[in-house]
């Protein structure tokens, strides 16, 4: 199907928005009136620019407060409308969006509304233009799609149809049955379909719409069900995104447009309108790769954790550190982490940082095909003769994702690129990587969740808010079915906050107390936890005094859920990375979110004391 996006969904001047939409692969755009008014280009120049970019102009919008008004007011509205219709013709568009009135002059009179909309359509037809009538969710008298359709039906004008908007419809419905009326609308009378998702919020619908819309798959609406119903009517127009979002309007237009296009590809797949390569769900974490200009602090930390440097890459300055099935690559061949996609281009990060993740895959090539089909940037890789072919793509935050098949004799093995060293790992305290926590740039949180869910086939859990001394963080975990891949995505407290960009690697152990003691005995420094936390822990849980004393001594945090118990502690931060030791008992499913405010406050305190 053809895809389109409203220019209001992207940031920047109109020319930048058009370029971003075209590069992302959209077929057309809706021109928002404010974008046109602020552009130095005339309508014909905008039309020509779109044609050069391969974009059609599918809609001009919006016209407001037109119908069900006194005759003298409608005469003024009709005069205004003729100018808009002429402008639409000059743009080369054939449809104008008319929103249901919110004017205090409008009266609750469907017959009058139908009569005036018919007259409006008469005028539009003179310019070769159609009118798509849309029910705003906060319309004064018309605020539901079925009411708008009844008025269009009563008008009976060939140049008058309806526009269905998923936000306006789904923000007012209580369940799927409320959508049954869509089947009563002939597809040829649905002149346009606008799509947006939104988080489920209890707030004024106008403010909800103006600030919190997001792309399909990023919110709580069942947009796919609505689209299936609309397509069943025979609608053959574009799927068009109209998203008002404060974050998107401040983020870079190019990446936002790619995120938008990806959301429509996933939506089309969900409704059976497009075929994409099947998702290949990762089955484990093969490695986490740290980059650092100085390997000594990282080597000391890994050694204290019980890792051994077991191999070195044949042709690159990359060491493999291993303990059990947990593998950490230390790369000294890059001076800085990949840049985040901020408008400024991001700033290089001093010290160690998490740059790449290896994901175990039963079909690495298939995983890469899926990622590329969903617009994930495929990363070029410098390979020497004999190096294992490794497909890699970039996540929205710049983290490199490699699709691996460790130890599978049927497929190339990335471990074959490494030559063993004389160091042998000791008996492991650490079994494997339990999860990764990746802090996202503030404008990419929703994009990251959709990316990991759609590209990697992971399940997204509910978003949670975490209190930080300097703001409120949002976190959302994505995981595969058996929990062998867990990634916690977190967004910082503020757009300018760079102090919380530390990433962390959680390591699974069967005995966190023993692992923490060995780490400390080996010279490692654990994150100190305030005594008040453990005093409160004694009040919340009936734990033996000796156990509590051990937790106090080692800075171990404790949590329970309906499935089991979670014990965990943290190392000090090196560069922009730290490690967590975790012990899951009885099937505990969470990440200790209740303890996160204490951990964050402790890390702030350490940074304040050390100046780092």
Protein backbone atom coordinates (compact mmCIF):
# COMPACT_ATOMS: atom_id res chain seq x y z
CA UNK A 1 0.00 0.00 0.00
CA UNK A 2 1.01 3.60 -0.46
CA UNK A 3 2.29 5.36 2.63
CA UNK A 4 2.17 9.01 3.58
CA UNK A 5 3.11 11.23 6.52
CA UNK A 6 1.83 14.59 7.70
CA UNK A 7 4.54 17.23 7.76
CA UNK A 8 3.47 18.15 11.31
CA UNK A 9 4.90 14.79 12.43
CA UNK A 10 8.49 15.89 11.71
CA UNK A 11 10.73 18.69 12.91
CA UNK A 12 12.39 21.46 10.95
CA UNK A 13 11.44 23.61 7.96
CA UNK A 14 9.19 22.18 5.28
CA UNK A 15 12.01 21.40 2.83
CA UNK A 16 13.83 19.31 5.45
CA UNK A 17 10.63 17.47 6.31
CA UNK A 18 10.00 16.62 2.66
CA UNK A 19 13.56 15.38 2.18
CA UNK A 20 13.37 13.24 5.32
CA UNK A 21 10.05 11.71 4.23
CA UNK A 22 11.39 10.88 0.78
CA UNK A 23 14.62 9.36 2.07
CA UNK A 24 12.68 7.19 4.51
CA UNK A 25 10.69 5.75 1.61
CA UNK A 26 7.30 7.43 1.96
CA UNK A 27 5.20 7.75 -1.16
CA UNK A 28 3.46 10.97 -0.22
CA UNK A 29 2.88 13.68 2.37
CA UNK A 30 0.09 15.65 3.94
CA UNK A 31 0.98 19.34 3.88
CA UNK A 32 0.09 20.96 7.19
CA UNK A 33 -1.04 24.54 6.82
CA UNK A 34 1.45 26.03 9.30
CA UNK A 35 4.33 24.42 7.42
CA UNK A 36 3.19 25.95 4.16
CA UNK A 37 2.63 29.40 5.69
CA UNK A 38 6.14 29.42 7.18
CA UNK A 39 7.84 28.24 3.99
CA UNK A 40 9.55 30.70 1.62
CA UNK A 41 8.51 28.43 -1.26
CA UNK A 42 5.29 29.09 -3.13
CA UNK A 43 2.71 26.33 -3.69
CA UNK A 44 4.01 25.57 -7.17
CA UNK A 45 7.58 25.36 -5.88
CA UNK A 46 6.51 22.99 -3.11
CA UNK A 47 4.68 20.90 -5.68
CA UNK A 48 7.80 20.80 -7.84
CA UNK A 49 10.04 19.96 -4.88
CA UNK A 50 7.80 17.05 -3.95
CA UNK A 51 7.75 15.80 -7.53
CA UNK A 52 11.56 15.92 -7.66
CA UNK A 53 11.66 13.86 -4.44
CA UNK A 54 9.15 11.33 -5.77
CA UNK A 55 6.46 12.43 -3.30
CA UNK A 56 2.80 13.03 -4.02
CA UNK A 57 0.87 15.60 -2.01
CA UNK A 58 -2.04 13.53 -0.77
CA UNK A 59 -3.83 16.02 1.48
CA UNK A 60 -3.85 19.66 2.50
CA UNK A 61 -4.97 20.28 6.04
CA UNK A 62 -6.72 21.48 8.09
CA UNK A 63 -9.79 23.62 7.55
CA UNK A 64 -11.59 24.27 10.81
CA UNK A 65 -14.95 25.52 12.09
CA UNK A 66 -16.83 25.46 8.80
CA UNK A 67 -20.21 23.77 9.27
CA UNK A 68 -23.49 24.15 11.22
CA UNK A 69 -23.10 27.89 11.65
CA UNK A 70 -25.40 30.88 10.91
CA UNK A 71 -25.73 31.83 7.22
CA UNK A 72 -23.61 34.96 7.42
CA UNK A 73 -20.82 33.03 9.16
CA UNK A 74 -21.01 30.25 6.59
CA UNK A 75 -20.70 32.81 3.78
CA UNK A 76 -17.43 33.98 5.31
CA UNK A 77 -16.33 30.35 5.72
CA UNK A 78 -17.13 29.61 2.09
CA UNK A 79 -15.06 32.59 0.95
CA UNK A 80 -12.17 31.34 3.07
CA UNK A 81 -12.64 27.82 1.74
CA UNK A 82 -12.44 28.89 -1.91
CA UNK A 83 -9.00 30.35 -1.29
CA UNK A 84 -7.93 27.10 0.38
CA UNK A 85 -9.28 25.06 -2.52
CA UNK A 86 -7.35 27.20 -4.98
CA UNK A 87 -4.22 26.73 -2.88
CA UNK A 88 -4.80 22.97 -2.80
CA UNK A 89 -5.11 22.91 -6.59
CA UNK A 90 -1.85 24.83 -6.93
CA UNK A 91 -0.14 22.30 -4.66
CA UNK A 92 -1.33 19.50 -6.91
CA UNK A 93 -3.32 17.85 -4.11
CA UNK A 94 -6.87 16.63 -4.61
CA UNK A 95 -8.19 16.43 -1.04
CA UNK A 96 -8.71 18.94 1.76
CA UNK A 97 -9.28 17.89 5.36
CA UNK A 98 -12.17 19.60 7.13
CA UNK A 99 -12.39 19.03 10.90
CA UNK A 100 -15.69 18.99 12.76
CA UNK A 101 -16.35 22.36 14.29
CA UNK A 102 -15.37 23.45 17.78
CA UNK A 103 -16.70 26.96 17.22
CA UNK A 104 -19.14 28.38 19.81
CA UNK A 105 -21.19 29.56 16.82
CA UNK A 106 -21.84 25.97 15.69
CA UNK A 107 -25.26 24.52 16.48
CA UNK A 108 -26.34 20.94 17.06
CA UNK A 109 -28.14 20.53 13.75
CA UNK A 110 -27.10 17.63 11.51
CA UNK A 111 -29.34 18.73 8.66
CA UNK A 112 -27.72 22.17 8.60
CA UNK A 113 -24.25 20.63 8.82
CA UNK A 114 -25.04 18.33 5.87
CA UNK A 115 -26.45 21.20 3.84
CA UNK A 116 -23.44 23.43 4.39
CA UNK A 117 -20.92 20.63 3.81
CA UNK A 118 -22.68 19.87 0.54
CA UNK A 119 -22.31 23.50 -0.47
CA UNK A 120 -18.67 23.34 0.55
CA UNK A 121 -18.17 20.25 -1.63
CA UNK A 122 -19.84 22.05 -4.55
CA UNK A 123 -17.24 24.79 -4.25
CA UNK A 124 -14.40 22.28 -3.90
CA UNK A 125 -15.46 20.44 -7.04
CA UNK A 126 -15.00 23.62 -9.04
CA UNK A 127 -11.28 23.37 -8.26
CA UNK A 128 -11.01 19.63 -8.79
CA UNK A 129 -10.77 19.04 -5.05
CA UNK A 130 -12.56 16.71 -2.63
CA UNK A 131 -13.52 17.38 1.00
CA UNK A 132 -12.69 14.77 3.68
CA UNK A 133 -14.78 15.45 6.80
CA UNK A 134 -13.24 14.29 10.07
CA UNK A 135 -14.77 14.06 13.54
CA UNK A 136 -12.44 15.60 16.09
CA UNK A 137 -12.59 13.74 19.39
CA UNK A 138 -13.28 17.10 21.07
CA UNK A 139 -15.67 18.43 18.39
CA UNK A 140 -18.41 20.66 19.77
CA UNK A 141 -21.31 18.57 18.43
CA UNK A 142 -19.68 16.02 16.12
CA UNK A 143 -16.98 14.00 17.86
CA UNK A 144 -17.38 10.39 16.69
CA UNK A 145 -16.63 8.83 13.33
CA UNK A 146 -20.13 7.36 12.92
CA UNK A 147 -21.75 10.74 13.56
CA UNK A 148 -19.50 12.35 10.93
CA UNK A 149 -20.41 9.58 8.48
CA UNK A 150 -24.14 10.09 9.04
CA UNK A 151 -23.74 13.76 8.10
CA UNK A 152 -21.67 12.91 5.01
CA UNK A 153 -24.26 10.30 4.02
CA UNK A 154 -27.09 12.80 4.45
CA UNK A 155 -25.26 15.35 2.31
CA UNK A 156 -24.96 12.81 -0.50
CA UNK A 157 -22.33 14.75 -2.43
CA UNK A 158 -19.78 12.92 -4.61
CA UNK A 159 -17.02 15.35 -3.62
CA UNK A 160 -17.70 14.87 0.11
CA UNK A 161 -16.38 11.89 2.03
CA UNK A 162 -15.06 11.14 5.48
CA UNK A 163 -11.60 10.97 6.96
CA UNK A 164 -11.02 8.33 9.61
CA UNK A 165 -8.37 9.14 12.20
CA UNK A 166 -7.25 6.36 14.53
CA UNK A 167 -6.54 8.71 17.44
CA UNK A 168 -9.89 10.48 17.28
CA UNK A 169 -11.66 7.12 17.05
CA UNK A 170 -9.70 5.00 19.53
CA UNK A 171 -9.40 7.72 22.17
CA UNK A 172 -13.20 7.65 22.50
CA UNK A 173 -13.97 3.94 22.15
CA UNK A 174 -14.43 1.54 25.03
CA UNK A 175 -13.87 -1.66 23.05
CA UNK A 176 -13.75 -3.33 19.62
CA UNK A 177 -17.55 -3.30 19.27
CA UNK A 178 -17.44 0.49 18.98
CA UNK A 179 -15.63 0.02 15.67
CA UNK A 180 -18.32 -2.11 14.08
CA UNK A 181 -19.80 0.94 12.37
CA UNK A 182 -16.75 1.23 10.11
CA UNK A 183 -18.14 -1.70 8.12
CA UNK A 184 -21.16 0.45 7.19
CA UNK A 185 -19.02 3.03 5.37
CA UNK A 186 -18.34 2.25 1.69
CA UNK A 187 -14.62 2.24 0.98
CA UNK A 188 -14.98 4.82 -1.79
CA UNK A 189 -16.48 7.28 0.72
CA UNK A 190 -13.47 6.99 3.03
CA UNK A 191 -11.42 9.69 1.39
CA UNK A 192 -8.49 9.46 3.77
CA UNK A 193 -7.10 7.41 6.67
CA UNK A 194 -4.86 9.02 9.27
CA UNK A 195 -3.00 6.88 11.79
CA UNK A 196 -1.47 7.49 15.18
CA UNK A 197 -1.00 5.49 18.35
CA UNK A 198 -0.84 6.87 21.89
CA UNK A 199 -0.03 5.71 25.41
CA UNK A 200 -3.14 5.04 27.46
CA UNK A 201 -3.47 8.16 29.62
CA UNK A 202 -6.25 9.59 31.76
CA UNK A 203 -6.21 13.22 30.66
CA UNK A 204 -7.98 15.83 28.58
CA UNK A 205 -8.31 14.39 25.09
CA UNK A 206 -7.18 17.60 23.35
CA UNK A 207 -3.93 17.74 25.34
CA UNK A 208 -3.49 14.00 24.90
CA UNK A 209 -3.79 14.42 21.14
CA UNK A 210 -1.61 17.50 20.83
CA UNK A 211 1.37 16.21 22.84
CA UNK A 212 1.37 12.42 23.25
CA UNK A 213 0.57 10.76 19.95
CA UNK A 214 3.17 8.30 18.70
CA UNK A 215 3.68 5.98 15.77
CA UNK A 216 1.68 2.74 15.47
CA UNK A 217 3.08 0.03 17.71
CA UNK A 218 4.56 2.50 20.20
CA UNK A 219 1.42 3.09 22.26
CA UNK A 220 -1.55 1.26 23.71
CA UNK A 221 -4.13 1.48 20.90
CA UNK A 222 -5.04 -1.48 18.72
CA UNK A 223 -4.36 0.42 15.51
CA UNK A 224 -4.03 -2.83 13.54
CA UNK A 225 -7.63 -3.82 14.29
CA UNK A 226 -8.89 -0.46 13.05
CA UNK A 227 -6.82 -0.69 9.86
CA UNK A 228 -8.08 -4.21 9.14
CA UNK A 229 -11.65 -2.94 9.41
CA UNK A 230 -10.98 0.02 7.13
CA UNK A 231 -9.28 -2.13 4.49
CA UNK A 232 -12.22 -4.54 4.61
CA UNK A 233 -14.45 -1.70 3.33
CA UNK A 234 -12.43 -1.54 0.12
CA UNK A 235 -10.47 1.58 1.06
CA UNK A 236 -7.51 1.86 -1.30
CA UNK A 237 -5.98 5.18 -0.29
CA UNK A 238 -2.70 5.65 1.55
CA UNK A 239 -1.89 4.74 5.12
CA UNK A 240 -0.93 8.15 6.44
CA UNK A 241 0.66 9.10 9.75
CA UNK A 242 -0.48 12.21 11.59
CA UNK A 243 1.40 12.42 14.87
CA UNK A 244 1.56 15.41 17.19
CA UNK A 245 4.40 14.71 19.61
CA UNK A 246 6.60 17.15 21.51
CA UNK A 247 9.60 14.82 21.37
CA UNK A 248 9.35 14.18 17.63
CA UNK A 249 9.07 17.89 16.94
CA UNK A 250 12.42 18.46 18.67
CA UNK A 251 14.24 15.41 17.32
CA UNK A 252 16.11 15.14 14.04
CA UNK A 253 13.69 14.76 11.12
CA UNK A 254 15.59 12.04 9.24
CA UNK A 255 15.70 9.39 11.98
CA UNK A 256 12.13 10.21 13.02
CA UNK A 257 10.94 9.64 9.46
CA UNK A 258 12.70 6.26 9.38
CA UNK A 259 11.07 5.33 12.70
CA UNK A 260 7.72 6.38 11.23
CA UNK A 261 8.19 4.35 8.08
CA UNK A 262 9.27 1.30 10.08
CA UNK A 263 6.09 1.56 12.15
CA UNK A 264 3.98 1.43 8.99
CA UNK A 265 5.90 -1.55 7.63
CA UNK A 266 5.24 -3.44 10.86
CA UNK A 267 1.59 -2.37 10.78
CA UNK A 268 1.18 -3.54 7.19
CA UNK A 269 2.71 -6.87 8.12
CA UNK A 270 0.30 -7.18 11.06
CA UNK A 271 -2.77 -6.59 8.88
CA UNK A 272 -1.59 -8.81 6.05
CA UNK A 273 -0.94 -5.97 3.62
CA UNK A 274 2.80 -6.59 3.29
CA UNK A 275 5.11 -9.59 3.49
CA UNK A 276 8.39 -9.16 5.33
CA UNK A 277 11.10 -11.69 6.18
CA UNK A 278 10.02 -13.66 9.23
CA UNK A 279 11.44 -12.47 12.56
CA UNK A 280 14.34 -14.55 13.87
CA UNK A 281 14.17 -14.30 17.65
CA UNK A 282 17.61 -14.32 19.30
CA UNK A 283 18.26 -17.24 21.65
CA UNK A 284 20.98 -15.77 23.85
CA UNK A 285 23.65 -13.12 24.29
CA UNK A 286 26.91 -14.20 22.66
CA UNK A 287 28.98 -11.26 23.88
CA UNK A 288 29.03 -7.67 25.00
CA UNK A 289 31.75 -5.50 23.46
CA UNK A 290 33.38 -2.66 25.34
CA UNK A 291 35.49 -0.03 23.60
CA UNK A 292 38.13 1.84 25.55
CA UNK A 293 41.32 3.77 24.80
CA UNK A 294 42.84 2.41 28.03
CA UNK A 295 42.26 -1.29 28.70
CA UNK A 296 43.83 -1.38 32.16
CA UNK A 297 40.82 -0.20 34.26
CA UNK A 298 38.52 -2.58 32.38
CA UNK A 299 40.97 -5.47 32.68
CA UNK A 300 41.26 -4.89 36.43
CA UNK A 301 37.49 -4.86 36.82
CA UNK A 302 36.98 -8.00 34.74
CA UNK A 303 39.79 -9.81 36.56
CA UNK A 304 38.23 -8.98 39.92
CA UNK A 305 34.91 -10.31 38.65
CA UNK A 306 36.62 -13.63 37.86
CA UNK A 307 36.94 -13.25 34.09
CA UNK A 308 40.07 -14.45 32.29
CA UNK A 309 41.51 -13.12 29.04
CA UNK A 310 41.10 -16.32 27.05
CA UNK A 311 41.69 -15.21 23.45
CA UNK A 312 42.73 -12.37 21.18
CA UNK A 313 41.43 -11.51 17.73
CA UNK A 314 43.82 -12.53 14.95
CA UNK A 315 43.80 -9.18 13.20
CA UNK A 316 42.29 -6.57 15.50
CA UNK A 317 43.12 -5.18 18.96
CA UNK A 318 40.24 -7.04 20.57
CA UNK A 319 40.57 -9.33 23.59
CA UNK A 320 38.03 -11.95 24.64
CA UNK A 321 37.36 -12.18 28.36
CA UNK A 322 35.26 -15.13 29.47
CA UNK A 323 33.71 -16.72 32.52
CA UNK A 324 31.22 -19.53 32.09
CA UNK A 325 29.08 -18.55 29.10
CA UNK A 326 29.56 -14.83 29.79
CA UNK A 327 31.84 -13.22 27.21
CA UNK A 328 33.08 -9.65 27.13
CA UNK A 329 35.13 -8.26 24.25
CA UNK A 330 37.50 -5.39 25.01
CA UNK A 331 38.28 -3.36 21.90
CA UNK A 332 41.06 -0.77 22.01
CA UNK A 333 40.91 -0.08 18.28
CA UNK A 334 38.29 2.64 18.55
CA UNK A 335 38.79 5.86 20.45
CA UNK A 336 35.16 6.56 21.24
CA UNK A 337 31.71 5.10 21.37
CA UNK A 338 29.43 5.41 18.33
CA UNK A 339 27.78 8.81 18.21
CA UNK A 340 24.23 9.11 19.39
CA UNK A 341 21.78 10.58 16.90
CA UNK A 342 21.40 13.96 18.50
CA UNK A 343 21.12 16.95 16.19
CA UNK A 344 24.59 17.99 17.37
CA UNK A 345 25.94 14.61 16.31
CA UNK A 346 26.66 13.54 19.87
CA UNK A 347 29.93 13.82 21.78
CA UNK A 348 32.64 11.20 22.06
CA UNK A 349 32.70 9.45 25.41
CA UNK A 350 35.95 9.09 27.38
CA UNK A 351 36.71 5.77 29.03
CA UNK A 352 35.08 2.41 28.54
CA UNK A 353 31.63 2.06 27.06
CA UNK A 354 29.33 -0.61 25.68
CA UNK A 355 29.45 -0.36 21.90
CA UNK A 356 28.18 -3.69 20.55
CA UNK A 357 26.18 -6.77 21.47
CA UNK A 358 26.38 -10.21 19.93
CA UNK A 359 23.02 -11.96 19.76
CA UNK A 360 22.84 -15.71 19.34
CA UNK A 361 20.68 -16.49 16.33
CA UNK A 362 19.47 -19.74 14.76
CA UNK A 363 19.58 -17.95 11.38
CA UNK A 364 21.95 -14.95 11.36
CA UNK A 365 21.40 -14.24 7.66
CA UNK A 366 17.62 -14.34 8.12
CA UNK A 367 17.86 -12.01 11.11
CA UNK A 368 19.88 -9.57 9.01
CA UNK A 369 17.34 -9.72 6.16
CA UNK A 370 14.54 -8.94 8.59
CA UNK A 371 16.50 -6.02 10.05
CA UNK A 372 17.33 -4.57 6.64
CA UNK A 373 13.70 -4.88 5.49
CA UNK A 374 12.72 -2.84 8.54
CA UNK A 375 15.21 -0.10 7.66
CA UNK A 376 17.86 -0.94 10.25
CA UNK A 377 21.20 0.45 9.01
CA UNK A 378 23.42 -2.42 7.87
CA UNK A 379 26.94 -1.85 9.17
CA UNK A 380 29.96 -2.32 6.93
CA UNK A 381 32.61 -4.54 8.48
CA UNK A 382 36.30 -4.71 7.78
CA UNK A 383 37.07 -8.39 7.31
CA UNK A 384 40.37 -10.09 6.74
CA UNK A 385 40.61 -13.25 4.67
CA UNK A 386 39.32 -16.11 6.76
CA UNK A 387 37.29 -13.95 9.19
CA UNK A 388 33.85 -15.30 9.96
CA UNK A 389 31.11 -13.39 8.13
CA UNK A 390 29.13 -11.50 10.77
CA UNK A 391 26.02 -9.54 9.84
CA UNK A 392 25.52 -6.43 11.95
CA UNK A 393 23.00 -3.59 12.13
CA UNK A 394 22.77 -0.44 14.22
CA UNK A 395 20.11 0.00 16.88
CA UNK A 396 18.53 3.47 17.18
CA UNK A 397 21.03 4.53 19.87
CA UNK A 398 24.00 3.47 17.72
CA UNK A 399 24.68 0.19 19.54
CA UNK A 400 25.94 -2.37 17.04
CA UNK A 401 24.01 -5.64 16.99
CA UNK A 402 25.81 -8.70 15.61
CA UNK A 403 23.93 -11.87 14.69
CA UNK A 404 26.01 -14.84 15.85
CA UNK A 405 25.92 -18.63 15.88
CA UNK A 406 28.38 -19.63 18.59
CA UNK A 407 29.46 -23.25 18.43
CA UNK A 408 26.98 -24.23 15.70
CA UNK A 409 28.88 -26.50 13.31
CA UNK A 410 26.46 -25.68 10.48
CA UNK A 411 27.27 -21.96 10.53
CA UNK A 412 30.35 -19.72 10.69
CA UNK A 413 31.52 -19.20 14.28
CA UNK A 414 32.84 -15.80 15.32
CA UNK A 415 35.05 -17.50 17.94
CA UNK A 416 37.15 -18.92 15.10
CA UNK A 417 38.49 -15.38 14.56
CA UNK A 418 40.20 -15.52 17.97
CA UNK A 419 43.44 -17.24 18.98
CA UNK A 420 43.50 -18.72 22.50
CA UNK A 421 45.88 -17.21 25.06
CA UNK A 422 47.55 -19.00 27.92
CA UNK A 423 44.97 -17.73 30.40
CA UNK A 424 42.39 -20.27 31.46
CA UNK A 425 39.17 -19.22 33.21
CA UNK A 426 38.84 -20.26 36.83
CA UNK A 427 35.84 -22.13 38.19
CA UNK A 428 33.09 -19.67 37.36
CA UNK A 429 31.03 -17.64 39.80
CA UNK A 430 29.35 -16.15 36.72
CA UNK A 431 27.25 -18.37 34.46
CA UNK A 432 26.18 -16.00 31.69
CA UNK A 433 25.02 -12.49 30.87
CA UNK A 434 21.63 -12.12 32.55
CA UNK A 435 20.63 -8.86 30.89
CA UNK A 436 21.88 -5.62 29.41
CA UNK A 437 20.67 -2.18 30.41
CA UNK A 438 20.98 0.39 27.63
CA UNK A 439 20.28 4.06 28.30
CA UNK A 440 18.67 5.61 25.23
CA UNK A 441 18.86 9.17 23.95
CA UNK A 442 15.77 10.88 25.34
CA UNK A 443 14.07 11.24 21.95
CA UNK A 444 14.50 7.57 20.97
CA UNK A 445 12.87 5.64 23.78
CA UNK A 446 9.68 4.72 21.91
CA UNK A 447 11.65 4.09 18.73
CA UNK A 448 14.01 1.75 20.57
CA UNK A 449 11.15 -0.31 22.01
CA UNK A 450 9.53 -0.68 18.59
CA UNK A 451 12.89 -1.52 16.99
CA UNK A 452 13.72 -4.31 19.43
CA UNK A 453 10.20 -5.71 19.23
CA UNK A 454 9.76 -5.60 15.46
CA UNK A 455 13.29 -6.12 14.16
CA UNK A 456 14.47 -8.65 16.75
CA UNK A 457 11.11 -10.26 17.57
CA UNK A 458 11.43 -9.60 21.31
CA UNK A 459 8.42 -9.06 23.57
CA UNK A 460 8.10 -5.62 25.13
CA UNK A 461 7.01 -5.42 28.74
CA UNK A 462 5.14 -2.55 30.33
CA UNK A 463 7.01 0.71 30.75
CA UNK A 464 7.86 1.64 34.34
CA UNK A 465 8.86 4.97 35.89
CA UNK A 466 11.92 5.09 38.13
CA UNK A 467 12.64 7.96 40.51
CA UNK A 468 16.09 9.51 40.18
CA UNK A 469 17.47 12.32 42.38
CA UNK A 470 17.41 14.61 39.36
CA UNK A 471 14.25 13.57 37.57
CA UNK A 472 12.11 10.66 36.52
CA UNK A 473 13.44 7.88 34.33
CA UNK A 474 11.41 5.60 32.11
CA UNK A 475 12.41 1.99 31.58
CA UNK A 476 11.00 -0.77 29.41
CA UNK A 477 12.35 -4.29 29.12
CA UNK A 478 12.30 -6.44 26.00
CA UNK A 479 12.86 -10.18 26.24
CA UNK A 480 12.51 -13.48 24.42
CA UNK A 481 10.19 -16.18 25.73
CA UNK A 482 12.64 -18.06 27.94
CA UNK A 483 14.46 -15.00 29.30
CA UNK A 484 17.80 -15.92 27.74
CA UNK A 485 17.77 -12.47 26.12
CA UNK A 486 16.79 -9.57 28.33
CA UNK A 487 17.44 -5.93 27.47
CA UNK A 488 16.26 -3.05 29.64
CA UNK A 489 15.83 0.18 27.69
CA UNK A 490 15.99 3.35 29.77
CA UNK A 491 15.60 7.01 28.91
CA UNK A 492 17.40 9.73 30.86
CA UNK A 493 15.77 12.27 33.11
CA UNK A 494 16.11 15.24 30.75
CA UNK A 495 16.99 16.02 27.12
CA UNK A 496 20.33 17.53 28.16
CA UNK A 497 21.15 14.89 30.79
CA UNK A 498 24.31 13.06 29.78
CA UNK A 499 25.38 11.91 33.25
CA UNK A 500 23.07 8.91 33.11
CA UNK A 501 24.29 7.57 29.79
CA UNK A 502 26.17 4.76 31.58
CA UNK A 503 25.22 1.32 30.30
CA UNK A 504 25.47 -1.79 32.38
CA UNK A 505 25.96 -5.52 32.01
CA UNK A 506 24.19 -7.81 34.47
CA UNK A 507 25.93 -11.12 35.16
CA UNK A 508 24.00 -14.16 36.38
CA UNK A 509 25.35 -16.11 39.35
CA UNK A 510 23.96 -18.87 41.57
CA UNK A 511 25.41 -17.26 44.70
CA UNK A 512 25.60 -13.48 44.68
CA UNK A 513 27.05 -13.35 48.20
CA UNK A 514 30.00 -15.56 47.28
CA UNK A 515 30.52 -13.72 43.98
CA UNK A 516 30.47 -10.32 45.71
CA UNK A 517 32.91 -11.47 48.39
CA UNK A 518 35.35 -12.84 45.82
CA UNK A 519 35.08 -9.66 43.80
CA UNK A 520 35.88 -7.51 46.81
CA UNK A 521 38.69 -9.82 47.96
CA UNK A 522 40.23 -9.47 44.49
CA UNK A 523 40.34 -5.69 44.88
CA UNK A 524 37.03 -4.84 43.23
CA UNK A 525 34.95 -1.97 44.55
CA UNK A 526 31.24 -2.54 45.12
CA UNK A 527 28.71 0.28 44.99
CA UNK A 528 27.98 1.34 48.60
CA UNK A 529 24.31 1.29 49.56
CA UNK A 530 22.93 3.61 52.29
CA UNK A 531 22.17 1.93 55.63
CA UNK A 532 18.63 3.34 55.47
CA UNK A 533 17.87 0.98 52.61
CA UNK A 534 18.67 -2.13 54.64
CA UNK A 535 16.81 -0.79 57.67
CA UNK A 536 13.74 -0.47 55.46
CA UNK A 537 14.42 -3.91 53.99
CA UNK A 538 14.18 -5.37 57.49
CA UNK A 539 10.77 -3.75 57.87
CA UNK A 540 9.46 -4.95 54.50
CA UNK A 541 10.73 -8.53 54.58
CA UNK A 542 11.16 -11.01 57.41
CA UNK A 543 14.83 -11.75 56.79
CA UNK A 544 17.24 -13.22 59.38
CA UNK A 545 19.53 -10.65 61.01
CA UNK A 546 22.63 -12.47 59.80
CA UNK A 547 21.40 -12.32 56.21
CA UNK A 548 20.64 -8.62 56.53
CA UNK A 549 24.09 -7.96 57.98
CA UNK A 550 25.64 -9.69 54.95
CA UNK A 551 23.57 -7.56 52.57
CA UNK A 552 24.59 -4.40 54.43
CA UNK A 553 28.25 -5.36 54.28
CA UNK A 554 28.24 -6.11 50.54
CA UNK A 555 25.70 -3.56 49.33
CA UNK A 556 23.33 -6.31 48.16
CA UNK A 557 19.79 -5.28 47.22
CA UNK A 558 16.77 -7.55 47.54
CA UNK A 559 13.39 -7.92 45.83
CA UNK A 560 10.58 -10.42 45.47
CA UNK A 561 7.81 -10.95 42.99
CA UNK A 562 5.08 -13.57 42.66
CA UNK A 563 7.56 -15.99 41.12
CA UNK A 564 10.69 -15.74 43.20
CA UNK A 565 13.50 -13.73 44.80
CA UNK A 566 16.09 -11.38 43.32
CA UNK A 567 19.41 -10.46 44.95
CA UNK A 568 21.78 -8.09 43.21
CA UNK A 569 24.67 -5.69 43.72
CA UNK A 570 26.74 -3.35 41.54
CA UNK A 571 30.33 -2.52 40.80
CA UNK A 572 31.63 1.02 40.64
CA UNK A 573 31.45 2.61 37.19
CA UNK A 574 34.49 2.50 34.90
CA UNK A 575 34.23 5.06 32.11
CA UNK A 576 30.57 4.73 31.14
CA UNK A 577 29.95 1.12 32.07
CA UNK A 578 29.36 -0.85 35.25
CA UNK A 579 28.46 -4.44 36.08
CA UNK A 580 25.68 -5.94 38.15
CA UNK A 581 25.81 -9.34 39.86
CA UNK A 582 22.35 -10.92 39.95
CA UNK A 583 20.91 -14.05 41.50
CA UNK A 584 17.44 -15.09 40.40
CA UNK A 585 15.72 -17.75 42.49
CA UNK A 586 12.38 -19.42 41.89
CA UNK A 587 11.68 -17.84 38.51
CA UNK A 588 11.88 -14.14 39.46
CA UNK A 589 11.04 -12.20 36.29
CA UNK A 590 11.84 -8.59 37.01
CA UNK A 591 14.94 -6.42 37.24
CA UNK A 592 14.74 -5.04 40.78
CA UNK A 593 13.04 -1.84 39.61
CA UNK A 594 11.97 -1.02 43.18
CA UNK A 595 15.65 -0.77 44.10
CA UNK A 596 16.64 1.38 41.13
CA UNK A 597 16.13 4.74 42.92
CA UNK A 598 18.56 3.65 45.64
CA UNK A 599 21.12 2.50 43.09
CA UNK A 600 20.83 5.73 41.10
CA UNK A 601 21.20 7.88 44.22
CA UNK A 602 24.25 5.86 45.29
CA UNK A 603 25.86 6.29 41.87
CA UNK A 604 25.21 10.04 41.97
CA UNK A 605 26.81 10.17 45.41
CA UNK A 606 29.92 8.31 44.24
CA UNK A 607 30.26 10.57 41.19
CA UNK A 608 29.95 13.62 43.43
CA UNK A 609 32.65 12.35 45.79
CA UNK A 610 35.06 11.20 43.08
CA UNK A 611 34.35 13.89 40.53
CA UNK A 612 33.68 11.24 37.87
